Amino acid sequence: MSVSFAEKRNVVLLAASQGLFQTTSVLIMTIGGLAGYLLAADKTLATLPISAMSIGTAIATIPASLLMARIGRRGGFIIGTVFGAAGGALGVGGLLIDSFWLFCFAHLFMGAYQGFAQFYRFAAADAASAEFRSRAISLVLAGGVFAAFAGPALANVTTGLSLSAPYIASYASIIGVTLLATTIVSLIRVPQPLAEMIIEPARPLSVIARQPVFLVALGGAAVGYGVMIMAMTATPLAMVGHHHDLGATTSVIRWHTLGMFLPSFFTGNLITRFGAPRIMLAGIALLAGHVGIALSGVELLHFTSALVLLGVGWNFSFIGGTALLTEAYRPSEKAKVQATNDFLILGVVVAASFASGGLLHHLGWTGVNLTVLPFLLVAGAMIAALAVRSRPKPSLA
C-alpha cells in the first residue's frame, strides 16, 4: 500500500495536535476532580467540572462539524484551540476567587476545545485513501501517547508550584499548551477527498441512522467511551479515599493513558485484518476485564492494571467504532453523520461523568464498576450480532 507525502504530513500534524489536546484532557482528568472537591460545598458535585467539560463538548460538536463544512478543517481547529486557552484562563480565575461555578464554567470552554478536536481523527480519515483510512485514524489517536507522559508530568510539576491557591499553575499551563496547539493546527492542509468529486444525493439522517452498521458503530463506541469516562473520572478520588497519594494517582493515569493510545500504532492494522466489529468486541471484553480487576482489590497494582485494561478496551471500541462509522455514510453525508455520532456519544459521556461522582460517594468504587456491567453486556451482544451477520459466507463451489 502506497501512502502519499500529503497523507503522511497530515497524520503527523494531526497526531501532534491530538497529543497536545490530550495533554490538557489528561491534566484535567488528573486534578479536575480534586480541585472541584476543594471548591464544592457539596462534595457529591466534585466531578461536576469534568461533567461540564463533557457538556461543553456536546454543545460544540454539531456546530463545529457544520462550521468546518463551511470554512474548512484548519479554520475550525484554530477556533477550537482558542476556546481551550479561554477555558484555562477562566479556570485560573475560578481558583483565584474560590468560585466553584466559575470553575465549572471554565470547563465548558475546554469542552468546546474538545468538541473541535474530536474531528482530528475524521480529518485524517477524510483525506486518506480507503486502504490507509483505518491506520490514519489510529495513528492520529496514537498522538495521545505523548499525553500519557506529558499530562501527569504537568500535573505533578504544576501542583508543586507555590502559588496563591492549589492547582492555579496547572490551569495556567493549559493556556500555554493550547496556544502551542494553535500553531500546529494552522499548518494542517486537508485536501478535499477524491470521493467527494462524485456527486451523490444525501439521504435523510433517519434513513442513515436505521442502518445496523451505524447503530453498532455508535452503540459500541458510546458504551466504550462512557465506561471509560465513568471509571477514569472516579479513579483519582477513589485512590485518595483508599490512601494513595497524588504521585500514585498520576502514575495510574499515565499507565491508563498509555493503554488508551499506545495500541493505536497497531489497532488500524488489526481492523484491516480482522474487521472493525471483532476489534470492538475485543474492546468490550477488555473493559469487562477492567471491572473484574477493579472489584478484586484497591491496592496500587489493582488500580494500575485495571486502568490499563480500561484504556486498551476504550481504544479498540472507539477506533473500531470510528472506522465502522465510515461505512455508514456517503461523502455528501459526512458532516451531519459525524456530528450526530459524536454528539450522541458525548451525551453518554456527560451522563457517565456526572453519575460517577454520585455513585462513588454513595456506593463506592465497587458500585461504580458494577454499574457498567449491563451496558457492556448489551453492547457486546449488538457487536457480536453484526460480526456474525457480516461474516463472509462459505462458497458452495
Protein backbone atom coordinates (compact mmCIF):
# COMPACT_ATOMS: atom_id res chain seq x y z
CA MET A 1 0.00 0.00 0.00
CA SER A 2 1.48 3.34 -1.13
CA VAL A 3 0.87 6.34 1.15
CA SER A 4 1.37 9.82 -0.29
CA PHE A 5 3.52 12.50 1.34
CA ALA A 6 0.41 14.66 1.89
CA GLU A 7 -1.30 11.84 3.78
CA LYS A 8 1.78 11.29 5.96
CA ARG A 9 2.15 15.03 6.65
CA ASN A 10 -1.48 15.36 7.70
CA VAL A 11 -1.25 12.37 10.00
CA VAL A 12 1.89 13.74 11.70
CA LEU A 13 0.38 17.20 12.25
CA LEU A 14 -2.96 15.81 13.40
CA ALA A 15 -1.21 13.37 15.75
CA ALA A 16 0.80 16.25 17.26
CA SER A 17 -2.40 18.25 17.67
CA GLN A 18 -4.03 15.22 19.28
CA GLY A 19 -1.10 14.87 21.68
CA LEU A 20 -1.38 18.47 22.86
CA PHE A 21 -5.16 18.30 23.15
CA GLN A 22 -4.98 15.05 25.12
CA THR A 23 -2.30 16.54 27.40
CA THR A 24 -4.83 19.12 28.58
CA SER A 25 -7.50 16.43 28.92
CA VAL A 26 -5.27 14.12 30.96
CA LEU A 27 -4.22 17.04 33.16
CA ILE A 28 -7.85 17.91 33.82
CA MET A 29 -8.83 14.29 34.45
CA THR A 30 -5.94 14.01 36.94
CA ILE A 31 -6.60 17.12 39.02
CA GLY A 32 -10.01 18.44 37.93
CA GLY A 33 -11.97 16.32 40.39
CA LEU A 34 -9.52 17.12 43.20
CA ALA A 35 -9.79 20.85 42.50
CA GLY A 36 -13.56 20.53 42.31
CA TYR A 37 -13.58 18.76 45.66
CA LEU A 38 -11.76 21.69 47.24
CA LEU A 39 -14.14 24.27 45.78
CA ALA A 40 -17.50 22.46 46.05
CA ALA A 41 -19.63 22.96 49.14
CA ASP A 42 -21.50 19.74 48.25
CA LYS A 43 -18.79 17.12 47.79
CA THR A 44 -21.03 14.94 45.61
CA LEU A 45 -20.54 17.65 42.96
CA ALA A 46 -16.75 17.27 42.97
CA THR A 47 -16.68 15.81 39.46
CA LEU A 48 -19.12 18.39 38.05
CA PRO A 49 -16.29 20.38 36.39
CA ILE A 50 -15.35 17.29 34.38
CA SER A 51 -19.02 16.79 33.53
CA ALA A 52 -19.17 20.44 32.45
CA MET A 53 -16.28 19.77 30.08
CA SER A 54 -18.25 16.93 28.54
CA ILE A 55 -21.32 19.18 28.27
CA GLY A 56 -19.22 21.83 26.52
CA THR A 57 -18.01 19.19 24.09
CA ALA A 58 -21.55 18.02 23.37
CA ILE A 59 -22.74 21.60 22.82
CA ALA A 60 -19.87 22.37 20.44
CA THR A 61 -19.81 19.14 18.43
CA ILE A 62 -22.60 19.77 15.91
CA PRO A 63 -21.79 23.49 15.36
CA ALA A 64 -18.10 22.55 14.99
CA SER A 65 -18.82 20.00 12.28
CA LEU A 66 -21.17 22.30 10.36
CA LEU A 67 -18.76 25.23 10.69
CA MET A 68 -15.86 23.17 9.35
CA ALA A 69 -18.01 22.07 6.42
CA ARG A 70 -18.14 25.79 5.50
CA ILE A 71 -14.69 27.15 6.45
CA GLY A 72 -12.56 24.01 6.36
CA ARG A 73 -10.90 21.84 8.98
CA ARG A 74 -7.93 24.15 9.64
CA GLY A 75 -10.04 27.21 10.49
CA GLY A 76 -12.26 25.17 12.77
CA PHE A 77 -9.33 23.59 14.57
CA ILE A 78 -7.79 27.02 15.22
CA ILE A 79 -11.07 28.24 16.74
CA GLY A 80 -11.11 25.16 18.96
CA THR A 81 -7.69 25.89 20.42
CA VAL A 82 -8.76 29.46 21.22
CA PHE A 83 -11.66 28.04 23.24
CA GLY A 84 -9.13 25.89 25.11
CA ALA A 85 -6.97 28.87 26.01
CA ALA A 86 -10.02 30.80 27.20
CA GLY A 87 -11.02 27.83 29.36
CA GLY A 88 -7.61 27.72 31.00
CA ALA A 89 -7.79 31.44 31.79
CA LEU A 90 -11.28 31.13 33.29
CA GLY A 91 -10.14 28.13 35.33
CA VAL A 92 -7.38 30.23 36.83
CA GLY A 93 -9.95 32.92 37.62
CA GLY A 94 -12.28 30.46 39.35
CA LEU A 95 -9.48 29.16 41.53
CA LEU A 96 -8.25 32.66 42.38
CA ILE A 97 -11.63 33.87 43.63
CA ASP A 98 -12.65 30.48 45.09
CA SER A 99 -15.67 30.21 42.78
CA PHE A 100 -16.82 26.66 42.09
CA TRP A 101 -19.35 27.78 39.47
CA LEU A 102 -16.86 29.91 37.52
CA PHE A 103 -14.51 26.93 37.66
CA CYS A 104 -17.25 24.75 36.14
CA PHE A 105 -17.97 27.42 33.52
CA ALA A 106 -14.31 27.34 32.52
CA HIS A 107 -14.62 23.65 31.72
CA LEU A 108 -17.42 24.37 29.25
CA PHE A 109 -14.84 26.25 27.16
CA MET A 110 -12.31 23.45 27.48
CA GLY A 111 -15.05 21.09 26.43
CA ALA A 112 -15.64 23.21 23.32
CA TYR A 113 -11.95 22.75 22.51
CA GLN A 114 -12.52 19.02 22.76
CA GLY A 115 -15.61 19.34 20.56
CA PHE A 116 -13.45 20.64 17.70
CA ALA A 117 -10.52 18.31 18.47
CA GLN A 118 -12.77 15.24 18.25
CA PHE A 119 -12.68 15.78 14.48
CA TYR A 120 -8.91 15.32 14.17
CA ARG A 121 -9.48 11.63 13.54
CA PHE A 122 -12.18 12.31 10.95
CA ALA A 123 -9.93 14.85 9.20
CA ALA A 124 -7.35 12.09 8.78
CA ALA A 125 -9.99 9.67 7.51
CA ASP A 126 -11.46 12.19 5.06
CA ALA A 127 -8.12 12.83 3.36
CA ALA A 128 -6.83 9.25 3.37
CA SER A 129 -7.23 6.54 0.78
CA ALA A 130 -9.62 3.73 1.62
CA GLU A 131 -6.70 1.37 2.28
CA PHE A 132 -4.97 3.80 4.65
CA ARG A 133 -8.10 5.09 6.43
CA SER A 134 -8.14 2.79 9.48
CA ARG A 135 -4.41 3.27 10.02
CA ALA A 136 -4.72 7.05 9.63
CA ILE A 137 -7.42 7.19 12.31
CA SER A 138 -5.45 5.04 14.73
CA LEU A 139 -2.14 6.84 14.11
CA VAL A 140 -3.72 10.22 14.83
CA LEU A 141 -5.07 8.88 18.11
CA ALA A 142 -1.59 7.50 18.82
CA GLY A 143 -0.60 11.11 19.43
CA GLY A 144 -2.14 10.57 22.84
CA VAL A 145 0.94 8.54 23.82
CA PHE A 146 2.71 11.87 24.28
CA ALA A 147 -0.11 12.95 26.61
CA ALA A 148 0.38 9.82 28.71
CA PHE A 149 3.69 11.28 29.87
CA ALA A 150 3.12 15.00 29.45
CA GLY A 151 -0.28 15.20 31.19
CA PRO A 152 0.65 13.53 34.51
CA ALA A 153 4.10 15.19 34.47
CA LEU A 154 2.48 18.57 34.00
CA ALA A 155 0.09 17.80 36.87
CA ASN A 156 2.97 16.84 39.16
CA VAL A 157 5.10 19.86 38.29
CA THR A 158 2.37 22.48 38.38
CA THR A 159 0.66 21.29 41.56
CA GLY A 160 4.02 21.53 43.30
CA LEU A 161 4.42 25.22 42.46
CA SER A 162 3.76 27.58 45.33
CA LEU A 163 1.05 29.98 44.14
CA SER A 164 -1.85 31.68 45.88
CA ALA A 165 -4.17 28.66 45.56
CA PRO A 166 -3.77 24.95 44.70
CA TYR A 167 -3.93 23.97 41.02
CA ILE A 168 -3.68 27.54 39.65
CA ALA A 169 -0.41 26.77 37.86
CA SER A 170 -1.98 23.64 36.39
CA TYR A 171 -4.76 25.59 34.73
CA ALA A 172 -2.37 28.37 33.68
CA SER A 173 -0.30 25.74 31.86
CA ILE A 174 -3.37 24.86 29.77
CA ILE A 175 -3.18 28.32 28.20
CA GLY A 176 0.39 27.68 27.02
CA VAL A 177 -0.36 24.19 25.70
CA THR A 178 -3.41 25.31 23.73
CA LEU A 179 -1.58 28.27 22.19
CA LEU A 180 1.15 25.88 21.03
CA ALA A 181 -1.60 23.72 19.56
CA THR A 182 -2.85 26.76 17.63
CA THR A 183 0.49 26.93 15.84
CA ILE A 184 0.39 23.23 14.94
CA VAL A 185 -3.18 23.15 13.61
CA SER A 186 -2.51 26.24 11.47
CA LEU A 187 -0.11 24.10 9.41
CA ILE A 188 -2.69 21.40 8.61
CA ARG A 189 -3.79 21.09 4.99
CA VAL A 190 -6.69 18.71 4.50
CA PRO A 191 -7.37 18.31 0.77
CA GLN A 192 -10.83 17.50 -0.48
CA PRO A 193 -11.20 13.70 -0.66
CA LEU A 194 -11.40 12.36 -4.20
CA ALA A 195 -14.61 10.55 -3.29
CA GLU A 196 -16.30 13.92 -2.83
CA MET A 197 -15.85 14.66 -6.51
CA ILE A 198 -18.62 12.13 -7.10
CA ILE A 199 -21.98 13.81 -6.70
CA GLU A 200 -24.27 11.63 -4.61
CA PRO A 201 -27.56 12.70 -3.08
CA ALA A 202 -27.53 12.90 0.71
CA ARG A 203 -30.02 10.63 2.43
CA PRO A 204 -32.10 11.77 5.41
CA LEU A 205 -30.40 11.21 8.76
CA SER A 206 -33.30 9.00 9.84
CA VAL A 207 -32.51 6.59 6.99
CA ILE A 208 -28.80 6.52 7.77
CA ALA A 209 -29.42 6.01 11.50
CA ARG A 210 -31.53 2.89 10.90
CA GLN A 211 -28.62 1.00 9.37
CA PRO A 212 -27.29 -1.76 11.65
CA VAL A 213 -23.72 -0.67 10.85
CA PHE A 214 -24.48 2.85 12.14
CA LEU A 215 -26.22 1.61 15.28
CA VAL A 216 -23.39 -0.76 16.18
CA ALA A 217 -20.68 1.80 15.43
CA LEU A 218 -22.44 4.35 17.62
CA GLY A 219 -23.53 1.96 20.38
CA GLY A 220 -20.18 0.21 20.76
CA ALA A 221 -18.17 3.43 20.79
CA ALA A 222 -20.63 5.15 23.15
CA VAL A 223 -20.58 2.34 25.70
CA GLY A 224 -16.80 2.04 25.49
CA TYR A 225 -16.34 5.77 25.98
CA GLY A 226 -18.97 6.02 28.72
CA VAL A 227 -17.48 3.16 30.72
CA MET A 228 -14.00 4.62 30.36
CA ILE A 229 -15.05 8.09 31.47
CA MET A 230 -17.08 6.84 34.43
CA ALA A 231 -14.19 4.80 35.81
CA MET A 232 -11.45 7.27 34.91
CA THR A 233 -13.30 10.21 36.45
CA ALA A 234 -13.80 8.33 39.71
CA THR A 235 -10.26 6.93 39.89
CA PRO A 236 -8.38 9.91 41.43
CA LEU A 237 -11.00 10.38 44.15
CA ALA A 238 -11.24 6.62 44.76
CA MET A 239 -7.47 6.37 45.11
CA VAL A 240 -7.33 9.26 47.56
CA GLY A 241 -10.14 7.60 49.50
CA HIS A 242 -8.06 4.44 49.72
CA HIS A 243 -4.98 6.33 50.97
CA HIS A 244 -3.00 6.66 47.74
CA ASP A 245 -1.14 9.95 47.20
CA LEU A 246 -1.08 12.20 44.12
CA GLY A 247 2.12 10.58 42.87
CA ALA A 248 0.41 7.18 42.80
CA THR A 249 -2.65 8.69 41.13
CA THR A 250 -0.65 10.34 38.36
CA SER A 251 1.22 7.08 37.80
CA VAL A 252 -2.07 5.21 37.34
CA ILE A 253 -3.41 7.89 34.99
CA ARG A 254 -0.18 7.71 32.98
CA TRP A 255 -0.47 3.95 32.57
CA HIS A 256 -4.15 4.31 31.73
CA THR A 257 -3.40 6.91 29.06
CA LEU A 258 -0.73 4.67 27.57
CA GLY A 259 -3.33 1.92 27.47
CA MET A 260 -5.66 4.29 25.64
CA PHE A 261 -3.26 5.39 22.94
CA LEU A 262 -0.24 3.08 22.62
CA PRO A 263 -2.30 0.33 20.90
CA SER A 264 -3.18 2.90 18.22
CA PHE A 265 0.09 2.06 16.47
CA PHE A 266 -1.38 -1.32 15.52
CA THR A 267 -5.17 -1.04 16.03
CA GLY A 268 -5.63 0.11 12.43
CA ASN A 269 -3.79 -2.94 11.13
CA LEU A 270 -5.89 -5.21 13.35
CA ILE A 271 -9.07 -3.63 11.99
CA THR A 272 -7.85 -4.13 8.42
CA ARG A 273 -7.09 -7.78 9.11
CA PHE A 274 -9.99 -8.85 11.34
CA GLY A 275 -12.67 -6.23 10.72
CA ALA A 276 -13.95 -3.45 12.96
CA PRO A 277 -16.70 -5.49 14.72
CA ARG A 278 -14.26 -8.11 16.02
CA ILE A 279 -11.87 -5.47 17.34
CA MET A 280 -14.77 -3.65 19.02
CA LEU A 281 -15.87 -6.92 20.61
CA ALA A 282 -12.35 -7.45 21.95
CA GLY A 283 -12.56 -3.94 23.40
CA ILE A 284 -15.77 -4.74 25.25
CA ALA A 285 -14.15 -7.89 26.67
CA LEU A 286 -11.18 -5.86 27.91
CA LEU A 287 -13.50 -3.34 29.57
CA ALA A 288 -15.17 -6.23 31.37
CA GLY A 289 -11.68 -7.35 32.42
CA HIS A 290 -11.15 -3.93 33.97
CA VAL A 291 -14.27 -4.42 36.08
CA GLY A 292 -13.09 -7.82 37.27
CA ILE A 293 -9.71 -6.47 38.41
CA ALA A 294 -11.22 -3.33 39.96
CA LEU A 295 -13.55 -5.47 42.06
CA SER A 296 -10.70 -7.68 43.26
CA GLY A 297 -8.86 -5.05 45.35
CA VAL A 298 -7.81 -1.44 45.92
CA GLU A 299 -4.02 -1.71 46.05
CA LEU A 300 -1.92 0.29 43.60
CA LEU A 301 -1.43 -2.79 41.40
CA HIS A 302 -5.19 -3.27 41.16
CA PHE A 303 -5.80 0.32 40.10
CA THR A 304 -2.92 0.28 37.63
CA SER A 305 -3.74 -2.99 35.90
CA ALA A 306 -7.48 -2.25 35.83
CA LEU A 307 -6.94 1.18 34.30
CA VAL A 308 -4.58 -0.22 31.66
CA LEU A 309 -7.30 -2.64 30.54
CA LEU A 310 -9.79 0.22 30.66
CA GLY A 311 -7.60 2.21 28.29
CA VAL A 312 -6.98 -0.59 25.79
CA GLY A 313 -10.67 -1.51 25.84
CA TRP A 314 -11.58 2.10 25.03
CA ASN A 315 -9.03 2.17 22.22
CA PHE A 316 -10.42 -0.91 20.50
CA SER A 317 -14.08 0.04 20.92
CA PHE A 318 -13.64 3.71 19.96
CA ILE A 319 -11.28 3.34 17.00
CA GLY A 320 -13.24 0.33 15.81
CA GLY A 321 -16.46 2.33 16.06
CA THR A 322 -14.94 5.26 14.17
CA ALA A 323 -13.70 3.01 11.37
CA LEU A 324 -17.05 1.22 11.19
CA LEU A 325 -18.92 4.52 11.05
CA THR A 326 -17.14 5.49 7.82
CA GLU A 327 -19.00 2.58 6.17
CA ALA A 328 -22.37 4.07 7.12
CA TYR A 329 -22.36 7.34 5.16
CA ARG A 330 -21.67 8.82 1.75
CA PRO A 331 -19.20 11.70 1.34
CA SER A 332 -22.09 14.14 0.98
CA GLU A 333 -23.45 12.98 4.36
CA LYS A 334 -20.26 13.01 6.40
CA ALA A 335 -20.69 16.35 8.24
CA LYS A 336 -24.09 15.57 9.69
CA VAL A 337 -23.35 11.90 10.43
CA GLN A 338 -20.01 12.58 12.12
CA ALA A 339 -21.57 15.38 14.17
CA THR A 340 -24.56 13.26 15.19
CA ASN A 341 -22.35 10.31 16.12
CA ASP A 342 -20.07 12.39 18.34
CA PHE A 343 -22.95 14.37 19.84
CA LEU A 344 -24.72 11.19 20.95
CA ILE A 345 -21.50 9.63 22.24
CA LEU A 346 -20.78 12.74 24.24
CA GLY A 347 -24.28 12.68 25.66
CA VAL A 348 -23.38 9.30 27.12
CA VAL A 349 -20.05 10.71 28.32
CA VAL A 350 -21.80 13.61 30.09
CA ALA A 351 -24.17 11.26 31.86
CA ALA A 352 -21.33 8.91 32.83
CA SER A 353 -19.05 11.61 34.18
CA PHE A 354 -21.87 13.30 36.09
CA ALA A 355 -23.05 9.99 37.59
CA SER A 356 -19.51 9.00 38.52
CA GLY A 357 -19.15 11.36 41.47
CA GLY A 358 -22.52 10.47 42.99
CA LEU A 359 -22.02 6.74 42.53
CA LEU A 360 -18.58 6.92 44.10
CA HIS A 361 -19.87 8.98 47.02
CA HIS A 362 -22.85 6.73 47.76
CA LEU A 363 -21.78 3.28 46.52
CA GLY A 364 -18.00 3.45 46.50
CA TRP A 365 -15.53 2.20 43.89
CA THR A 366 -17.28 -1.17 43.78
CA GLY A 367 -20.62 0.44 42.91
CA VAL A 368 -19.09 2.49 40.10
CA ASN A 369 -17.74 -0.64 38.45
CA LEU A 370 -20.79 -2.85 38.93
CA THR A 371 -22.96 -0.19 37.30
CA VAL A 372 -21.27 -0.57 33.90
CA LEU A 373 -21.67 -4.33 33.52
CA PRO A 374 -25.21 -4.36 31.99
CA PHE A 375 -24.15 -1.80 29.39
CA LEU A 376 -21.14 -3.88 28.40
CA LEU A 377 -23.36 -6.94 28.01
CA VAL A 378 -25.80 -5.14 25.69
CA ALA A 379 -23.02 -3.58 23.60
CA GLY A 380 -21.24 -6.92 23.30
CA ALA A 381 -24.42 -8.60 22.07
CA MET A 382 -25.02 -5.88 19.43
CA ILE A 383 -21.47 -6.07 18.10
CA ALA A 384 -21.44 -9.87 18.07
CA ALA A 385 -24.69 -9.93 16.07
CA LEU A 386 -23.22 -7.63 13.42
CA ALA A 387 -19.97 -9.61 13.33
CA VAL A 388 -21.91 -12.82 12.65
CA ARG A 389 -24.10 -11.13 10.04
CA SER A 390 -21.14 -9.60 8.19
CA ARG A 391 -19.02 -12.77 8.25
CA PRO A 392 -18.32 -13.96 4.72
CA LYS A 393 -20.44 -16.97 3.77
CA PRO A 394 -18.57 -20.10 2.71
CA SER A 395 -18.51 -20.72 -1.01
CA LEU A 396 -20.67 -23.59 -2.31
CA ALA A 397 -18.44 -24.09 -5.33
